[in-house]
Amino acid sequence: METAASTTPAVRSGPAPAEGVRYTIDPVHATAQFKVRHLMVANVRGHLGEVTGDLVFDPQDPSRSTVRASIDATGIDTRNPDRDTHLRSPDFLDVANHPSIAFRSTAVRARGGGAYEVEGELTIRGTARPVTLAVEVSDEIRDPWGNVKRGVEATTRLDRKAWGLSWNAVVEGGGILVGDSVDVTIEAELVRA
């Protein structure tokens, strides 16, 4: 995702701070979705599989926060079984050799009002590349069973070719079948440890 130059210096995340609050991603209440241009005229939307991971959040000093997440790439679903089989193949995600997608934060910046910018390393098909996520974090709440939770939403735009997902086909009139830019949204409930 391309972002405007920041006036706030990035502070690199180190080990999880003792004063940070630890959360785990509730995989039952987490989704990873994507949108990509198809035939240059419409978008195809899909979901990936289970999202897991953890976060250490320091609300007093967000730069000391850390994020680690994993997404099951084998669970891709675009509501078209033939397309899903192709997306699992070596032309795209190659899930037989790379069944998961991983993210590890390297820097966190507060943007105000529950908004954050999270830099990190995204690994797809065994290739790690830097990426920046725009993240919104809710206040804590207590659910009816006594669990303390937060909500989080992260978005970014990826150039799929940077991770080796370069398969394409030319269509009549000179267009392409699959766009290069992929919009990604991850939504999750975080459970306080």
N, C-alpha and C. Protein backbone atom coordinates (compact mmCIF):
# COMPACT_ATOMS: atom_id res chain seq x y z
N MET A 1 0.85 -1.17 0.00
CA MET A 1 0.00 0.00 0.00
C MET A 1 0.89 1.22 0.00
N GLU A 2 0.61 2.13 -0.88
CA GLU A 2 1.39 3.35 -0.90
C GLU A 2 0.76 4.35 0.05
N THR A 3 1.59 4.98 0.85
CA THR A 3 1.07 5.97 1.80
C THR A 3 1.86 7.25 1.66
N ALA A 4 1.24 8.34 2.06
CA ALA A 4 1.93 9.63 2.03
C ALA A 4 3.06 9.63 3.04
N ALA A 5 4.05 10.43 2.78
CA ALA A 5 5.20 10.52 3.70
C ALA A 5 4.71 10.95 5.08
N SER A 6 5.23 10.32 6.07
CA SER A 6 4.80 10.57 7.44
C SER A 6 5.68 11.63 8.09
N THR A 7 5.06 12.45 8.91
CA THR A 7 5.84 13.42 9.67
C THR A 7 6.21 12.85 11.03
N THR A 8 5.59 11.69 11.37
CA THR A 8 5.90 11.03 12.63
C THR A 8 6.97 9.98 12.37
N PRO A 9 8.12 10.04 13.04
CA PRO A 9 9.14 9.05 12.78
C PRO A 9 8.68 7.67 13.22
N ALA A 10 9.08 6.66 12.44
CA ALA A 10 8.75 5.27 12.80
C ALA A 10 9.66 4.83 13.92
N VAL A 11 9.08 4.16 14.86
CA VAL A 11 9.87 3.56 15.93
C VAL A 11 9.75 2.06 15.74
N ARG A 12 10.84 1.39 15.53
CA ARG A 12 10.82 -0.05 15.26
C ARG A 12 10.38 -0.83 16.49
N SER A 13 9.52 -1.79 16.24
CA SER A 13 9.04 -2.62 17.34
C SER A 13 10.13 -3.55 17.81
N GLY A 14 10.27 -3.66 19.09
CA GLY A 14 11.21 -4.60 19.68
C GLY A 14 10.45 -5.74 20.30
N PRO A 15 11.03 -6.40 21.27
CA PRO A 15 10.33 -7.47 21.96
C PRO A 15 9.07 -6.94 22.64
N ALA A 16 8.12 -7.84 22.86
CA ALA A 16 6.86 -7.44 23.46
C ALA A 16 7.10 -6.74 24.80
N PRO A 17 6.55 -5.55 24.98
CA PRO A 17 6.78 -4.82 26.22
C PRO A 17 6.01 -5.45 27.38
N ALA A 18 6.59 -5.38 28.56
CA ALA A 18 5.95 -5.95 29.75
C ALA A 18 4.64 -5.24 30.04
N GLU A 19 4.55 -3.92 29.76
CA GLU A 19 3.34 -3.18 30.09
C GLU A 19 2.28 -3.26 29.00
N GLY A 20 2.60 -3.87 27.87
CA GLY A 20 1.62 -4.05 26.81
C GLY A 20 0.59 -5.10 27.19
N VAL A 21 -0.58 -5.01 26.56
CA VAL A 21 -1.66 -5.96 26.80
C VAL A 21 -1.64 -6.98 25.67
N ARG A 22 -1.64 -8.27 26.03
CA ARG A 22 -1.58 -9.33 25.03
C ARG A 22 -3.00 -9.78 24.65
N TYR A 23 -3.20 -9.91 23.33
CA TYR A 23 -4.46 -10.39 22.78
C TYR A 23 -4.17 -11.52 21.79
N THR A 24 -5.15 -12.40 21.62
CA THR A 24 -5.07 -13.38 20.54
C THR A 24 -6.23 -13.12 19.58
N ILE A 25 -6.02 -13.45 18.32
CA ILE A 25 -7.08 -13.33 17.33
C ILE A 25 -8.06 -14.48 17.53
N ASP A 26 -9.34 -14.15 17.63
CA ASP A 26 -10.38 -15.16 17.73
C ASP A 26 -10.70 -15.64 16.31
N PRO A 27 -10.24 -16.84 15.90
CA PRO A 27 -10.41 -17.27 14.51
C PRO A 27 -11.87 -17.45 14.10
N VAL A 28 -12.76 -17.64 15.07
CA VAL A 28 -14.18 -17.78 14.77
C VAL A 28 -14.79 -16.44 14.36
N HIS A 29 -14.16 -15.34 14.81
CA HIS A 29 -14.65 -14.00 14.50
C HIS A 29 -13.57 -13.20 13.78
N ALA A 30 -12.98 -13.81 12.75
CA ALA A 30 -11.95 -13.13 11.95
C ALA A 30 -12.10 -13.54 10.49
N THR A 31 -11.92 -12.58 9.60
CA THR A 31 -11.99 -12.86 8.17
C THR A 31 -10.87 -12.11 7.44
N ALA A 32 -10.41 -12.72 6.36
CA ALA A 32 -9.46 -12.08 5.44
C ALA A 32 -10.12 -12.09 4.07
N GLN A 33 -10.37 -10.91 3.55
CA GLN A 33 -11.08 -10.76 2.29
C GLN A 33 -10.21 -10.03 1.28
N PHE A 34 -10.49 -10.25 0.00
CA PHE A 34 -9.74 -9.54 -1.05
C PHE A 34 -10.67 -9.18 -2.19
N LYS A 35 -10.21 -8.22 -2.98
CA LYS A 35 -10.93 -7.75 -4.16
C LYS A 35 -9.91 -7.49 -5.26
N VAL A 36 -10.17 -8.01 -6.46
CA VAL A 36 -9.26 -7.80 -7.59
C VAL A 36 -10.08 -7.59 -8.86
N ARG A 37 -9.56 -6.77 -9.76
CA ARG A 37 -10.25 -6.45 -11.01
C ARG A 37 -10.25 -7.67 -11.91
N HIS A 38 -11.40 -7.93 -12.56
CA HIS A 38 -11.56 -9.06 -13.47
C HIS A 38 -12.02 -8.55 -14.83
N LEU A 39 -11.31 -8.93 -15.89
CA LEU A 39 -11.62 -8.52 -17.26
C LEU A 39 -11.63 -6.99 -17.42
N MET A 40 -11.03 -6.28 -16.49
CA MET A 40 -10.92 -4.83 -16.52
C MET A 40 -12.28 -4.12 -16.44
N VAL A 41 -13.35 -4.85 -16.08
CA VAL A 41 -14.67 -4.23 -16.04
C VAL A 41 -15.40 -4.41 -14.71
N ALA A 42 -15.00 -5.39 -13.92
CA ALA A 42 -15.69 -5.65 -12.66
C ALA A 42 -14.69 -6.20 -11.65
N ASN A 43 -15.12 -6.38 -10.41
CA ASN A 43 -14.27 -6.93 -9.36
C ASN A 43 -14.72 -8.32 -8.97
N VAL A 44 -13.75 -9.16 -8.66
CA VAL A 44 -14.02 -10.45 -8.03
C VAL A 44 -13.62 -10.31 -6.58
N ARG A 45 -14.48 -10.79 -5.69
CA ARG A 45 -14.21 -10.75 -4.25
C ARG A 45 -14.09 -12.18 -3.74
N GLY A 46 -13.28 -12.34 -2.73
CA GLY A 46 -13.12 -13.66 -2.15
C GLY A 46 -12.66 -13.59 -0.71
N HIS A 47 -12.65 -14.75 -0.08
CA HIS A 47 -12.20 -14.90 1.30
C HIS A 47 -11.07 -15.93 1.34
N LEU A 48 -10.18 -15.75 2.28
CA LEU A 48 -9.18 -16.76 2.57
C LEU A 48 -9.65 -17.55 3.78
N GLY A 49 -8.86 -18.51 4.22
CA GLY A 49 -9.25 -19.37 5.33
C GLY A 49 -9.01 -18.74 6.69
N GLU A 50 -8.86 -19.59 7.69
CA GLU A 50 -8.77 -19.17 9.09
C GLU A 50 -7.64 -18.18 9.34
N VAL A 51 -7.93 -17.17 10.15
CA VAL A 51 -6.96 -16.16 10.55
C VAL A 51 -6.60 -16.41 12.02
N THR A 52 -5.31 -16.53 12.31
CA THR A 52 -4.85 -16.73 13.68
C THR A 52 -3.70 -15.77 13.96
N GLY A 53 -3.35 -15.62 15.24
CA GLY A 53 -2.21 -14.79 15.58
C GLY A 53 -2.38 -14.11 16.92
N ASP A 54 -1.46 -13.19 17.20
CA ASP A 54 -1.52 -12.46 18.47
C ASP A 54 -1.00 -11.05 18.29
N LEU A 55 -1.34 -10.23 19.28
CA LEU A 55 -0.98 -8.82 19.26
C LEU A 55 -0.62 -8.42 20.68
N VAL A 56 0.43 -7.65 20.82
CA VAL A 56 0.73 -6.99 22.08
C VAL A 56 0.50 -5.51 21.83
N PHE A 57 -0.42 -4.92 22.58
CA PHE A 57 -0.83 -3.54 22.34
C PHE A 57 -0.50 -2.70 23.56
N ASP A 58 0.27 -1.63 23.33
CA ASP A 58 0.61 -0.69 24.39
C ASP A 58 -0.08 0.63 24.05
N PRO A 59 -1.26 0.90 24.61
CA PRO A 59 -1.97 2.12 24.25
C PRO A 59 -1.25 3.40 24.65
N GLN A 60 -0.37 3.33 25.66
CA GLN A 60 0.38 4.51 26.08
C GLN A 60 1.53 4.82 25.13
N ASP A 61 2.08 3.78 24.50
CA ASP A 61 3.18 3.94 23.54
C ASP A 61 3.00 2.91 22.43
N PRO A 62 2.09 3.21 21.46
CA PRO A 62 1.78 2.24 20.41
C PRO A 62 3.01 1.77 19.61
N SER A 63 4.09 2.55 19.61
CA SER A 63 5.28 2.13 18.87
C SER A 63 5.90 0.87 19.45
N ARG A 64 5.52 0.55 20.70
CA ARG A 64 6.03 -0.67 21.35
C ARG A 64 5.12 -1.87 21.10
N SER A 65 4.07 -1.69 20.32
CA SER A 65 3.13 -2.77 20.03
C SER A 65 3.68 -3.69 18.94
N THR A 66 3.21 -4.93 18.94
CA THR A 66 3.64 -5.90 17.93
C THR A 66 2.43 -6.71 17.45
N VAL A 67 2.53 -7.17 16.22
CA VAL A 67 1.47 -7.98 15.61
C VAL A 67 2.11 -9.16 14.89
N ARG A 68 1.48 -10.31 15.02
CA ARG A 68 1.88 -11.50 14.27
C ARG A 68 0.60 -12.22 13.88
N ALA A 69 0.46 -12.54 12.57
CA ALA A 69 -0.76 -13.19 12.11
C ALA A 69 -0.45 -14.19 11.00
N SER A 70 -1.33 -15.18 10.88
CA SER A 70 -1.22 -16.19 9.84
C SER A 70 -2.60 -16.42 9.24
N ILE A 71 -2.65 -16.60 7.93
CA ILE A 71 -3.91 -16.83 7.22
C ILE A 71 -3.79 -18.12 6.43
N ASP A 72 -4.79 -18.97 6.53
CA ASP A 72 -4.83 -20.24 5.81
C ASP A 72 -5.16 -19.97 4.34
N ALA A 73 -4.15 -20.10 3.47
CA ALA A 73 -4.35 -19.84 2.04
C ALA A 73 -5.13 -20.95 1.36
N THR A 74 -5.14 -22.15 1.94
CA THR A 74 -5.85 -23.28 1.32
C THR A 74 -7.36 -23.07 1.34
N GLY A 75 -7.85 -22.21 2.22
CA GLY A 75 -9.28 -21.99 2.36
C GLY A 75 -9.85 -20.94 1.43
N ILE A 76 -9.13 -20.55 0.39
CA ILE A 76 -9.60 -19.50 -0.51
C ILE A 76 -10.96 -19.86 -1.11
N ASP A 77 -11.86 -18.88 -1.16
CA ASP A 77 -13.22 -19.11 -1.64
C ASP A 77 -13.71 -17.87 -2.36
N THR A 78 -13.95 -18.00 -3.67
CA THR A 78 -14.50 -16.91 -4.47
C THR A 78 -15.89 -17.26 -4.99
N ARG A 79 -16.48 -18.33 -4.45
CA ARG A 79 -17.79 -18.83 -4.85
C ARG A 79 -17.77 -19.42 -6.26
N ASN A 80 -16.59 -19.83 -6.73
CA ASN A 80 -16.46 -20.48 -8.03
C ASN A 80 -15.40 -21.57 -7.87
N PRO A 81 -15.80 -22.84 -7.77
CA PRO A 81 -14.84 -23.92 -7.49
C PRO A 81 -13.70 -24.01 -8.50
N ASP A 82 -13.97 -23.81 -9.79
CA ASP A 82 -12.89 -23.87 -10.79
C ASP A 82 -11.88 -22.75 -10.58
N ARG A 83 -12.37 -21.55 -10.33
CA ARG A 83 -11.46 -20.43 -10.09
C ARG A 83 -10.66 -20.65 -8.80
N ASP A 84 -11.32 -21.17 -7.75
CA ASP A 84 -10.63 -21.44 -6.49
C ASP A 84 -9.52 -22.46 -6.68
N THR A 85 -9.77 -23.50 -7.47
CA THR A 85 -8.73 -24.49 -7.77
C THR A 85 -7.56 -23.84 -8.48
N HIS A 86 -7.84 -22.94 -9.43
CA HIS A 86 -6.77 -22.24 -10.13
C HIS A 86 -5.99 -21.33 -9.18
N LEU A 87 -6.68 -20.64 -8.28
CA LEU A 87 -6.00 -19.76 -7.33
C LEU A 87 -5.12 -20.54 -6.34
N ARG A 88 -5.47 -21.80 -6.06
CA ARG A 88 -4.65 -22.64 -5.19
C ARG A 88 -3.43 -23.22 -5.92
N SER A 89 -3.43 -23.16 -7.24
CA SER A 89 -2.39 -23.80 -8.06
C SER A 89 -1.09 -22.99 -8.05
N PRO A 90 0.00 -23.55 -8.63
CA PRO A 90 1.27 -22.81 -8.74
C PRO A 90 1.16 -21.51 -9.55
N ASP A 91 0.11 -21.34 -10.36
CA ASP A 91 -0.07 -20.08 -11.08
C ASP A 91 -0.29 -18.91 -10.12
N PHE A 92 -0.85 -19.22 -8.95
CA PHE A 92 -1.14 -18.17 -7.98
C PHE A 92 -0.54 -18.50 -6.60
N LEU A 93 -1.33 -18.99 -5.66
CA LEU A 93 -0.86 -19.15 -4.28
C LEU A 93 -0.01 -20.39 -4.03
N ASP A 94 -0.07 -21.39 -4.90
CA ASP A 94 0.73 -22.61 -4.76
C ASP A 94 0.60 -23.17 -3.33
N VAL A 95 -0.65 -23.45 -2.94
CA VAL A 95 -0.91 -23.84 -1.55
C VAL A 95 -0.33 -25.21 -1.19
N ALA A 96 -0.04 -26.05 -2.17
CA ALA A 96 0.58 -27.34 -1.86
C ALA A 96 1.95 -27.13 -1.22
N ASN A 97 2.66 -26.10 -1.63
CA ASN A 97 3.98 -25.78 -1.08
C ASN A 97 3.97 -24.64 -0.07
N HIS A 98 2.94 -23.79 -0.13
CA HIS A 98 2.86 -22.60 0.73
C HIS A 98 1.43 -22.46 1.26
N PRO A 99 1.05 -23.28 2.24
CA PRO A 99 -0.35 -23.30 2.69
C PRO A 99 -0.79 -22.09 3.51
N SER A 100 0.15 -21.25 3.93
CA SER A 100 -0.27 -20.10 4.74
C SER A 100 0.40 -18.81 4.27
N ILE A 101 -0.24 -17.72 4.64
CA ILE A 101 0.26 -16.37 4.42
C ILE A 101 0.56 -15.80 5.80
N ALA A 102 1.71 -15.15 5.96
CA ALA A 102 2.11 -14.68 7.29
C ALA A 102 2.40 -13.18 7.27
N PHE A 103 2.11 -12.54 8.40
CA PHE A 103 2.43 -11.12 8.60
C PHE A 103 3.12 -10.96 9.94
N ARG A 104 4.19 -10.15 9.96
CA ARG A 104 4.92 -9.82 11.19
C ARG A 104 5.21 -8.33 11.17
N SER A 105 4.76 -7.61 12.19
CA SER A 105 4.95 -6.16 12.22
C SER A 105 6.40 -5.80 12.48
N THR A 106 6.80 -4.64 11.96
CA THR A 106 8.13 -4.08 12.22
C THR A 106 8.04 -2.68 12.82
N ALA A 107 6.90 -1.99 12.68
CA ALA A 107 6.72 -0.65 13.25
C ALA A 107 5.24 -0.34 13.36
N VAL A 108 4.88 0.40 14.41
CA VAL A 108 3.49 0.81 14.61
C VAL A 108 3.48 2.30 14.93
N ARG A 109 2.61 3.06 14.24
CA ARG A 109 2.46 4.49 14.48
C ARG A 109 1.01 4.81 14.78
N ALA A 110 0.76 5.61 15.79
CA ALA A 110 -0.59 6.09 16.08
C ALA A 110 -0.94 7.20 15.11
N ARG A 111 -2.19 7.20 14.63
CA ARG A 111 -2.67 8.23 13.73
C ARG A 111 -3.81 9.02 14.37
N GLY A 112 -4.22 8.65 15.60
CA GLY A 112 -5.28 9.36 16.30
C GLY A 112 -6.64 8.73 16.10
N GLY A 113 -7.48 8.82 17.11
CA GLY A 113 -8.85 8.34 16.99
C GLY A 113 -8.98 6.84 16.78
N GLY A 114 -8.06 6.06 17.31
CA GLY A 114 -8.11 4.61 17.14
C GLY A 114 -7.53 4.12 15.84
N ALA A 115 -6.89 5.02 15.07
CA ALA A 115 -6.27 4.65 13.80
C ALA A 115 -4.76 4.50 13.96
N TYR A 116 -4.20 3.52 13.26
CA TYR A 116 -2.77 3.23 13.33
C TYR A 116 -2.26 2.88 11.95
N GLU A 117 -0.97 3.08 11.77
CA GLU A 117 -0.27 2.62 10.57
C GLU A 117 0.70 1.55 11.04
N VAL A 118 0.58 0.37 10.47
CA VAL A 118 1.41 -0.76 10.88
C VAL A 118 2.24 -1.21 9.69
N GLU A 119 3.55 -1.07 9.83
CA GLU A 119 4.47 -1.59 8.81
C GLU A 119 4.85 -3.00 9.19
N GLY A 120 5.11 -3.82 8.19
CA GLY A 120 5.52 -5.17 8.50
C GLY A 120 5.98 -5.92 7.27
N GLU A 121 6.21 -7.20 7.49
CA GLU A 121 6.68 -8.09 6.44
C GLU A 121 5.57 -9.10 6.16
N LEU A 122 5.12 -9.14 4.91
CA LEU A 122 4.08 -10.05 4.47
C LEU A 122 4.72 -11.14 3.63
N THR A 123 4.48 -12.40 4.00
CA THR A 123 5.06 -13.53 3.28
C THR A 123 3.96 -14.30 2.57
N ILE A 124 4.07 -14.33 1.25
CA ILE A 124 3.15 -15.08 0.39
C ILE A 124 4.00 -15.93 -0.54
N ARG A 125 3.66 -17.20 -0.67
CA ARG A 125 4.41 -18.13 -1.54
C ARG A 125 5.90 -18.18 -1.17
N GLY A 126 6.21 -17.98 0.09
CA GLY A 126 7.60 -18.03 0.53
C GLY A 126 8.38 -16.76 0.26
N THR A 127 7.73 -15.74 -0.29
CA THR A 127 8.38 -14.47 -0.60
C THR A 127 7.93 -13.43 0.41
N ALA A 128 8.88 -12.81 1.10
CA ALA A 128 8.58 -11.78 2.09
C ALA A 128 8.83 -10.40 1.49
N ARG A 129 7.86 -9.51 1.63
CA ARG A 129 7.96 -8.14 1.13
C ARG A 129 7.39 -7.19 2.18
N PRO A 130 7.90 -5.95 2.22
CA PRO A 130 7.33 -4.97 3.16
C PRO A 130 5.95 -4.52 2.71
N VAL A 131 5.11 -4.23 3.68
CA VAL A 131 3.76 -3.77 3.41
C VAL A 131 3.35 -2.84 4.55
N THR A 132 2.44 -1.92 4.25
CA THR A 132 1.91 -1.02 5.26
C THR A 132 0.40 -1.22 5.35
N LEU A 133 -0.08 -1.42 6.57
CA LEU A 133 -1.51 -1.60 6.81
C LEU A 133 -2.10 -0.36 7.46
N ALA A 134 -3.27 0.05 7.02
CA ALA A 134 -4.06 1.06 7.72
C ALA A 134 -4.96 0.30 8.67
N VAL A 135 -4.84 0.57 9.97
CA VAL A 135 -5.51 -0.24 10.99
C VAL A 135 -6.39 0.64 11.87
N GLU A 136 -7.58 0.15 12.16
CA GLU A 136 -8.47 0.79 13.13
C GLU A 136 -8.70 -0.19 14.26
N VAL A 137 -8.56 0.29 15.50
CA VAL A 137 -8.72 -0.54 16.70
C VAL A 137 -9.84 0.05 17.55
N SER A 138 -10.77 -0.79 17.99
CA SER A 138 -11.87 -0.32 18.82
C SER A 138 -11.43 -0.27 20.29
N ASP A 139 -12.27 0.33 21.11
CA ASP A 139 -12.08 0.26 22.55
C ASP A 139 -12.35 -1.16 23.03
N GLU A 140 -11.90 -1.48 24.24
CA GLU A 140 -12.20 -2.78 24.83
C GLU A 140 -13.66 -2.85 25.26
N ILE A 141 -14.24 -4.06 25.15
CA ILE A 141 -15.57 -4.34 25.69
C ILE A 141 -15.51 -5.69 26.40
N ARG A 142 -16.50 -5.97 27.22
CA ARG A 142 -16.60 -7.28 27.86
C ARG A 142 -17.82 -7.98 27.26
N ASP A 143 -17.64 -9.20 26.72
CA ASP A 143 -18.75 -9.92 26.13
C ASP A 143 -19.60 -10.58 27.23
N PRO A 144 -20.74 -11.16 26.87
CA PRO A 144 -21.63 -11.75 27.89
C PRO A 144 -21.01 -12.89 28.69
N TRP A 145 -19.90 -13.45 28.23
CA TRP A 145 -19.24 -14.57 28.92
C TRP A 145 -18.03 -14.12 29.73
N GLY A 146 -17.83 -12.80 29.82
CA GLY A 146 -16.75 -12.26 30.64
C GLY A 146 -15.43 -12.06 29.92
N ASN A 147 -15.36 -12.34 28.62
CA ASN A 147 -14.12 -12.13 27.86
C ASN A 147 -13.96 -10.66 27.50
N VAL A 148 -12.75 -10.15 27.63
CA VAL A 148 -12.45 -8.77 27.24
C VAL A 148 -11.94 -8.79 25.81
N LYS A 149 -12.58 -7.98 24.94
CA LYS A 149 -12.27 -8.02 23.51
C LYS A 149 -12.10 -6.62 22.94
N ARG A 150 -11.38 -6.58 21.84
CA ARG A 150 -11.28 -5.40 20.98
C ARG A 150 -11.58 -5.86 19.55
N GLY A 151 -12.02 -4.93 18.74
CA GLY A 151 -12.17 -5.19 17.31
C GLY A 151 -11.03 -4.52 16.56
N VAL A 152 -10.64 -5.11 15.44
CA VAL A 152 -9.58 -4.53 14.62
C VAL A 152 -9.93 -4.74 13.14
N GLU A 153 -9.63 -3.73 12.34
CA GLU A 153 -9.78 -3.83 10.89
C GLU A 153 -8.51 -3.29 10.25
N ALA A 154 -7.92 -4.08 9.35
CA ALA A 154 -6.70 -3.68 8.65
C ALA A 154 -6.94 -3.74 7.15
N THR A 155 -6.48 -2.72 6.44
CA THR A 155 -6.64 -2.70 4.98
C THR A 155 -5.31 -2.34 4.33
N THR A 156 -5.15 -2.84 3.11
CA THR A 156 -3.97 -2.49 2.32
C THR A 156 -4.25 -2.79 0.86
N ARG A 157 -3.43 -2.28 -0.01
CA ARG A 157 -3.47 -2.61 -1.44
C ARG A 157 -2.11 -3.20 -1.80
N LEU A 158 -2.14 -4.37 -2.44
CA LEU A 158 -0.93 -5.08 -2.82
C LEU A 158 -0.79 -5.14 -4.33
N ASP A 159 0.45 -5.15 -4.80
CA ASP A 159 0.75 -5.48 -6.19
C ASP A 159 1.09 -6.97 -6.18
N ARG A 160 0.18 -7.81 -6.64
CA ARG A 160 0.34 -9.26 -6.54
C ARG A 160 1.63 -9.77 -7.19
N LYS A 161 2.11 -9.08 -8.21
CA LYS A 161 3.32 -9.52 -8.90
C LYS A 161 4.56 -9.45 -8.00
N ALA A 162 4.54 -8.58 -6.99
CA ALA A 162 5.67 -8.48 -6.07
C ALA A 162 5.89 -9.77 -5.29
N TRP A 163 4.86 -10.59 -5.20
CA TRP A 163 4.97 -11.87 -4.50
C TRP A 163 4.98 -13.06 -5.46
N GLY A 164 5.19 -12.79 -6.75
CA GLY A 164 5.29 -13.86 -7.74
C GLY A 164 3.96 -14.37 -8.26
N LEU A 165 2.88 -13.68 -7.97
CA LEU A 165 1.57 -14.08 -8.49
C LEU A 165 1.34 -13.34 -9.81
N SER A 166 2.03 -13.76 -10.84
CA SER A 166 2.07 -12.99 -12.07
C SER A 166 1.27 -13.59 -13.22
N TRP A 167 0.62 -14.74 -13.01
CA TRP A 167 -0.14 -15.34 -14.10
C TRP A 167 -1.21 -14.36 -14.60
N ASN A 168 -1.41 -14.35 -15.92
CA ASN A 168 -2.45 -13.52 -16.51
C ASN A 168 -2.75 -14.03 -17.91
N ALA A 169 -3.77 -13.51 -18.51
CA ALA A 169 -4.14 -13.83 -19.88
C ALA A 169 -4.66 -12.56 -20.54
N VAL A 170 -4.35 -12.41 -21.81
CA VAL A 170 -4.83 -11.26 -22.59
C VAL A 170 -6.20 -11.61 -23.13
N VAL A 171 -7.10 -10.66 -23.05
CA VAL A 171 -8.45 -10.87 -23.58
C VAL A 171 -8.62 -10.08 -24.87
N GLU A 172 -9.65 -10.42 -25.61
CA GLU A 172 -9.91 -9.75 -26.88
C GLU A 172 -10.00 -8.24 -26.66
N GLY A 173 -9.36 -7.49 -27.51
CA GLY A 173 -9.35 -6.04 -27.38
C GLY A 173 -8.13 -5.53 -26.63
N GLY A 174 -7.26 -6.45 -26.16
CA GLY A 174 -6.00 -6.05 -25.54
C GLY A 174 -6.01 -5.92 -24.04
N GLY A 175 -7.12 -6.16 -23.41
CA GLY A 175 -7.16 -6.08 -21.95
C GLY A 175 -6.56 -7.32 -21.31
N ILE A 176 -6.55 -7.33 -19.98
CA ILE A 176 -6.04 -8.49 -19.25
C ILE A 176 -7.15 -9.10 -18.40
N LEU A 177 -6.98 -10.37 -18.08
CA LEU A 177 -8.00 -11.10 -17.33
C LEU A 177 -8.02 -10.71 -15.85
N VAL A 178 -6.82 -10.58 -15.23
CA VAL A 178 -6.73 -10.33 -13.79
C VAL A 178 -5.93 -9.05 -13.54
N GLY A 179 -6.47 -8.14 -12.74
CA GLY A 179 -5.75 -6.92 -12.40
C GLY A 179 -4.55 -7.21 -11.51
N ASP A 180 -3.59 -6.29 -11.49
CA ASP A 180 -2.39 -6.47 -10.68
C ASP A 180 -2.61 -6.05 -9.23
N SER A 181 -3.48 -5.06 -8.98
CA SER A 181 -3.71 -4.56 -7.62
C SER A 181 -4.77 -5.40 -6.92
N VAL A 182 -4.47 -5.76 -5.68
CA VAL A 182 -5.40 -6.54 -4.87
C VAL A 182 -5.66 -5.76 -3.58
N ASP A 183 -6.92 -5.46 -3.32
CA ASP A 183 -7.32 -4.80 -2.07
C ASP A 183 -7.61 -5.87 -1.04
N VAL A 184 -7.00 -5.73 0.13
CA VAL A 184 -7.13 -6.73 1.19
C VAL A 184 -7.72 -6.07 2.43
N THR A 185 -8.68 -6.75 3.06
CA THR A 185 -9.27 -6.31 4.33
C THR A 185 -9.27 -7.47 5.30
N ILE A 186 -8.75 -7.23 6.48
CA ILE A 186 -8.78 -8.24 7.54
C ILE A 186 -9.56 -7.64 8.71
N GLU A 187 -10.57 -8.34 9.17
CA GLU A 187 -11.35 -7.93 10.31
C GLU A 187 -11.28 -9.02 11.36
N ALA A 188 -11.14 -8.64 12.62
CA ALA A 188 -11.01 -9.65 13.67
C ALA A 188 -11.44 -9.12 15.01
N GLU A 189 -11.89 -10.04 15.86
CA GLU A 189 -12.05 -9.77 17.28
C GLU A 189 -10.80 -10.30 17.98
N LEU A 190 -10.26 -9.47 18.88
CA LEU A 190 -9.09 -9.83 19.65
C LEU A 190 -9.53 -10.14 21.08
N VAL A 191 -9.06 -11.25 21.62
CA VAL A 191 -9.43 -11.66 22.97
C VAL A 191 -8.25 -11.37 23.90
N ARG A 192 -8.51 -10.60 24.97
CA ARG A 192 -7.44 -10.27 25.90
C ARG A 192 -7.01 -11.50 26.67
N ALA A 193 -5.69 -11.71 26.74
CA ALA A 193 -5.16 -12.89 27.43
C ALA A 193 -5.33 -12.74 28.93
